[in-house]
Amino acid sequence: MKIATYNVNGVNGRLPVLLRWLKEMQPDIVCLQELKAPQDKFPEAEILEAGYHAVWLGQKSWNGVAVLAKNEKPVISRTSLPGEDEDEASRYLEVKIKGLVIACLYLPNGNPVPGPKFDYKMRWFERLDAHAEMLITSEKPVILVGDFNVMPTEKDVYKPEKYKEDALFLPEVREAFKNLVGQGWTDAIRHLYPDEVIYTFWDYFRNAYGRNAGMRIDHFLLSSEVLPLLKDAGVDREVRGWEKSSDHAPVWITLKDSKK
């Protein structure tokens, strides 16, 4: 089974890129972030024609998350994190699909620092941490996947010194990610490729993609029930070079079939 995550950066504006990638790579399950589309403007018909059932949480102009799957429709179990009832941002969608619990998330960027956006990011992280602890102690096969807007280590950004004051790389943000993983989650990419330079995002400016001036901010965190099934992981880096593509590239893992 191939599971992918893709910050599509506008699902309607980049629909041709998304459909081309789905056709060429044929993932079984896809988590999308940054739909930038209201609930009633999600391109359900086109995605269904491509062979995928979809559930989504839209939002006008910004945010938005979705989960696509072949053959069956994901069952929604949660559409927000607990802990802040007034938070109306569409950033979290938890589903059950093919024997897995998958949490598709789009963690806030947090810039500029300091400021209310950074404060919101850290509150969101705290809420994620609390809910993730409940998930990992459930003894169910769970995957936290999406755009975490965190570069966990210096290995995950092309020029660490340039981002010392950035909300994606501040010590307290990396510590929050480390604490989350420390609950017992496994970073799939780093588990398989501990020493390789791997990026998932390249800015549109200053020829960042051409220079490979990237960051790794899209992650798969696996519970202990999923980890033994992990076969491979990677980044469809070439998609970032397609015309009118997102500034993120799709990231994926493959799992063995579970006998449970």
Foldseek 3Di string as FASTA:
>chain_A
DKEKEEAFQACVLCVVLVLVCCLVVVGFKYKYKWNQDAPVPHPQVVVVVSAWHKDWHDDHRTIIMMMIGHPDHWAWDDQAFPDDVVDPHRFWTWTDDPQEIEIEGDQQLLPDPPDDSVVVNVVRLVSCLVVLLVVLVVPGKYKYWYQSLAQQDPLFFPDLVVCCNGSRYDPVSNVSVVVSVVSAWDFLVCVVVVPDRAFFFADPPPPRLVVVRGGHRTTMITHPVQVVFWDDKHWPSCSCVDPPGDRGTMIMTDGHDDPD
